[in-house]
Amino acid sequence: MKALRLLLAGVLVSSSAFAGVVDEPASAEGVAVTHVTGSSVLKVYYTSVQVGDVKISILDKKNRNVYSETLKKVSGFVRPYNLSGLAAGEYTVVIADKNGVRKEQVDYSAGKIDKLINIMRLPEEGKFLLSVKSKASDIINVNVYDQDNRLIHSQVRDIKNDFAEVLNLKEINQFTIEISDSQGILKTLKK
């Protein structure tokens, strides 16, 4: 909590310094809402100098309350909110405390992960484990390029749900591994 207050205080102080005029000392109060596109989780960061009750509400596009909670006697917190049960669209996060009401807009797209792709370096020099976890059948292209971006290995795999393979690249010092499916490039690893 203390680190969060210090971080927000530092941001406020540096903002004031760059503005050129400081009318009064910066307070360590603030609210931030973060949301990564494609993720179903948003986070609310809150800090205040004084302890008090804070109400968080999430409203849909039609201003209907889809979730709310009140946190009692807090001066700071970080709370995750999972939107996975909601339809895609624009949502408003409302944070109300004794200092007023702040609103943040969030665009939520109910994106579902269809494939998880992982390329992991194995303990043995030059070997990499390629694994694909998929909910559906698809074609996976595995291409390996040398340092001059010339294609030195290519294979096409018809996967059904899950797939794993060890790539042996001992003889190649610099390379790029590129994995793509029918929708385009999914993962790239450069060494």
Protein backbone atom coordinates (compact mmCIF):
# COMPACT_ATOMS: atom_id res chain seq x y z
CA MET A 1 0.00 0.00 0.00
CA LYS A 2 2.80 2.35 0.95
CA ALA A 3 4.57 1.68 -2.36
CA LEU A 4 1.36 2.46 -4.29
CA ARG A 5 0.98 5.75 -2.42
CA LEU A 6 4.59 6.65 -3.07
CA LEU A 7 4.21 5.82 -6.77
CA LEU A 8 1.07 7.93 -7.15
CA ALA A 9 2.67 10.76 -5.14
CA GLY A 10 5.72 10.61 -7.41
CA VAL A 11 3.54 10.84 -10.51
CA LEU A 12 1.65 13.82 -9.08
CA VAL A 13 4.87 15.61 -8.05
CA SER A 14 6.55 15.03 -11.42
CA SER A 15 3.40 16.23 -13.23
CA SER A 16 3.45 19.42 -11.20
CA ALA A 17 7.17 19.92 -11.84
CA PHE A 18 6.70 19.67 -15.59
CA ALA A 19 3.74 22.04 -15.49
CA GLY A 20 6.13 24.71 -14.21
CA VAL A 21 3.89 26.09 -11.45
CA VAL A 22 3.17 24.48 -8.12
CA ASP A 23 0.24 26.13 -6.35
CA GLU A 24 0.12 23.78 -3.39
CA PRO A 25 1.76 20.55 -2.24
CA ALA A 26 0.80 17.48 -4.20
CA SER A 27 -1.38 14.99 -2.38
CA ALA A 28 -0.98 11.26 -2.54
CA GLU A 29 -4.53 10.66 -3.75
CA GLY A 30 -5.54 9.07 -6.99
CA VAL A 31 -7.62 6.60 -8.94
CA ALA A 32 -6.61 4.57 -11.99
CA VAL A 33 -8.46 1.92 -13.98
CA THR A 34 -6.46 -0.38 -16.25
CA HIS A 35 -7.71 -2.85 -18.81
CA VAL A 36 -5.66 -4.80 -21.36
CA THR A 37 -7.43 -5.32 -24.69
CA GLY A 38 -8.48 -8.95 -25.04
CA SER A 39 -8.39 -9.54 -21.28
CA SER A 40 -11.53 -10.07 -19.26
CA VAL A 41 -10.00 -8.52 -16.12
CA LEU A 42 -9.79 -4.83 -15.31
CA LYS A 43 -8.04 -3.41 -12.24
CA VAL A 44 -8.96 -0.45 -10.10
CA TYR A 45 -6.12 1.30 -8.23
CA TYR A 46 -7.12 3.67 -5.44
CA THR A 47 -5.19 5.64 -2.87
CA SER A 48 -6.18 8.43 -0.48
CA VAL A 49 -4.57 10.33 2.38
CA GLN A 50 -7.66 9.79 4.53
CA VAL A 51 -9.39 6.56 5.48
CA GLY A 52 -12.97 6.26 4.30
CA ASP A 53 -15.61 4.23 2.48
CA VAL A 54 -15.27 3.77 -1.29
CA LYS A 55 -18.05 2.56 -3.58
CA ILE A 56 -17.12 0.95 -6.90
CA SER A 57 -19.83 0.44 -9.52
CA ILE A 58 -19.66 -0.95 -13.04
CA LEU A 59 -22.33 0.35 -15.42
CA ASP A 60 -23.22 -0.93 -18.88
CA LYS A 61 -23.77 1.24 -21.97
CA LYS A 62 -27.39 1.91 -20.95
CA ASN A 63 -26.20 3.11 -17.52
CA ARG A 64 -27.53 0.00 -15.77
CA ASN A 65 -25.60 -1.20 -12.73
CA VAL A 66 -24.03 -4.61 -13.48
CA TYR A 67 -21.89 -4.74 -10.32
CA SER A 68 -21.22 -2.67 -7.22
CA GLU A 69 -19.48 -3.01 -3.91
CA THR A 70 -18.52 -0.76 -1.03
CA LEU A 71 -15.15 -1.07 0.64
CA LYS A 72 -15.26 0.16 4.25
CA LYS A 73 -12.57 2.23 5.97
CA VAL A 74 -9.81 2.01 3.33
CA SER A 75 -7.09 4.41 2.31
CA GLY A 76 -5.85 2.42 -0.66
CA PHE A 77 -6.39 -0.78 -2.62
CA VAL A 78 -5.92 -2.61 -5.91
CA ARG A 79 -8.96 -4.66 -6.95
CA PRO A 80 -9.41 -6.91 -10.00
CA TYR A 81 -12.84 -7.17 -11.63
CA ASN A 82 -13.57 -10.04 -14.01
CA LEU A 83 -15.89 -9.08 -16.87
CA SER A 84 -15.98 -12.53 -18.49
CA GLY A 85 -19.69 -13.04 -17.78
CA LEU A 86 -20.63 -9.79 -19.51
CA ALA A 87 -21.37 -9.04 -23.15
CA ALA A 88 -18.81 -7.14 -25.20
CA GLY A 89 -19.27 -3.37 -25.14
CA GLU A 90 -18.52 -0.13 -23.37
CA TYR A 91 -18.64 -0.06 -19.57
CA THR A 92 -18.20 2.75 -17.06
CA VAL A 93 -16.35 2.21 -13.79
CA VAL A 94 -17.57 4.65 -11.13
CA ILE A 95 -15.48 5.24 -8.00
CA ALA A 96 -17.21 7.31 -5.30
CA ASP A 97 -15.65 8.45 -2.03
CA LYS A 98 -16.01 11.46 0.29
CA ASN A 99 -14.00 13.58 -2.20
CA GLY A 100 -16.41 13.01 -5.06
CA VAL A 101 -17.13 10.70 -7.99
CA ARG A 102 -14.69 9.66 -10.72
CA LYS A 103 -15.69 7.77 -13.86
CA GLU A 104 -13.56 5.75 -16.28
CA GLN A 105 -14.71 4.27 -19.61
CA VAL A 106 -13.62 0.72 -20.53
CA ASP A 107 -14.14 -1.00 -23.89
CA TYR A 108 -14.52 -4.70 -23.21
CA SER A 109 -14.37 -7.22 -26.03
CA ALA A 110 -15.34 -10.67 -24.90
CA GLY A 111 -12.37 -12.19 -26.62
CA LYS A 112 -11.76 -15.84 -26.01
CA ILE A 113 -8.35 -17.39 -26.37
CA ASP A 114 -8.58 -20.05 -29.06
CA LYS A 115 -4.94 -21.15 -28.96
CA LEU A 116 -2.12 -21.03 -26.48
CA ILE A 117 1.31 -21.23 -28.12
CA ASN A 118 4.50 -21.64 -26.17
CA ILE A 119 8.13 -21.89 -27.31
CA MET A 120 10.37 -22.91 -24.44
CA ARG A 121 14.17 -23.28 -24.39
CA LEU A 122 15.12 -26.75 -23.16
CA PRO A 123 18.18 -27.41 -20.96
CA GLU A 124 20.00 -29.10 -23.83
CA GLU A 125 21.78 -26.52 -26.03
CA GLY A 126 19.91 -25.61 -29.21
CA LYS A 127 16.67 -27.43 -28.39
CA PHE A 128 13.27 -25.77 -28.05
CA LEU A 129 9.89 -27.20 -27.13
CA LEU A 130 7.02 -25.92 -29.25
CA SER A 131 3.59 -26.61 -27.77
CA VAL A 132 0.14 -25.64 -28.98
CA LYS A 133 -3.05 -26.01 -26.96
CA SER A 134 -6.10 -25.39 -29.09
CA LYS A 135 -9.85 -25.72 -28.69
CA ALA A 136 -10.32 -26.63 -32.35
CA SER A 137 -8.53 -28.30 -35.24
CA ASP A 138 -6.37 -26.04 -37.40
CA ILE A 139 -3.28 -25.90 -39.59
CA ILE A 140 -0.10 -24.65 -37.88
CA ASN A 141 2.87 -23.43 -39.92
CA VAL A 142 6.32 -23.58 -38.30
CA ASN A 143 9.01 -21.57 -40.11
CA VAL A 144 12.63 -21.09 -39.05
CA TYR A 145 14.70 -18.28 -40.60
CA ASP A 146 18.46 -17.73 -40.34
CA GLN A 147 20.17 -14.42 -39.44
CA ASP A 148 19.77 -13.19 -43.04
CA ASN A 149 16.02 -13.90 -42.87
CA ARG A 150 16.29 -16.87 -45.27
CA LEU A 151 13.85 -19.71 -44.71
CA ILE A 152 15.85 -22.73 -43.53
CA HIS A 153 13.05 -24.94 -42.20
CA SER A 154 9.32 -25.06 -42.84
CA GLN A 155 6.65 -27.50 -41.83
CA VAL A 156 2.89 -27.58 -41.83
CA ARG A 157 1.07 -29.46 -39.08
CA ASP A 158 -2.60 -30.35 -38.98
CA ILE A 159 -3.33 -30.17 -35.27
CA LYS A 160 -6.31 -31.53 -33.47
CA ASN A 161 -6.63 -29.81 -30.07
CA ASP A 162 -3.06 -30.16 -28.70
CA PHE A 163 0.37 -30.49 -30.31
CA ALA A 164 3.99 -30.52 -29.10
CA GLU A 165 7.33 -30.96 -30.83
CA VAL A 166 11.02 -30.49 -30.02
CA LEU A 167 12.90 -28.29 -32.50
CA ASN A 168 16.64 -29.04 -32.77
CA LEU A 169 18.51 -25.89 -33.78
CA LYS A 170 21.99 -26.77 -32.43
CA GLU A 171 23.81 -25.92 -35.65
CA ILE A 172 22.26 -22.45 -36.04
CA ASN A 173 23.64 -19.51 -34.03
CA GLN A 174 21.04 -16.85 -34.88
CA PHE A 175 17.52 -17.65 -35.97
CA THR A 176 13.87 -16.68 -35.84
CA ILE A 177 11.08 -19.18 -35.19
CA GLU A 178 7.70 -18.06 -36.51
CA ILE A 179 4.46 -19.88 -35.72
CA SER A 180 1.28 -19.07 -37.64
CA ASP A 181 -2.17 -20.54 -38.09
CA SER A 182 -4.93 -19.98 -40.62
CA GLN A 183 -5.54 -16.51 -39.12
CA GLY A 184 -1.93 -15.27 -39.27
CA ILE A 185 1.22 -15.02 -37.13
CA LEU A 186 0.73 -16.08 -33.54
CA LYS A 187 4.20 -16.18 -32.03
CA THR A 188 7.77 -15.27 -32.94
CA LEU A 189 11.01 -16.08 -31.11
CA LYS A 190 14.37 -14.56 -32.08
CA LYS A 191 17.71 -15.79 -30.86
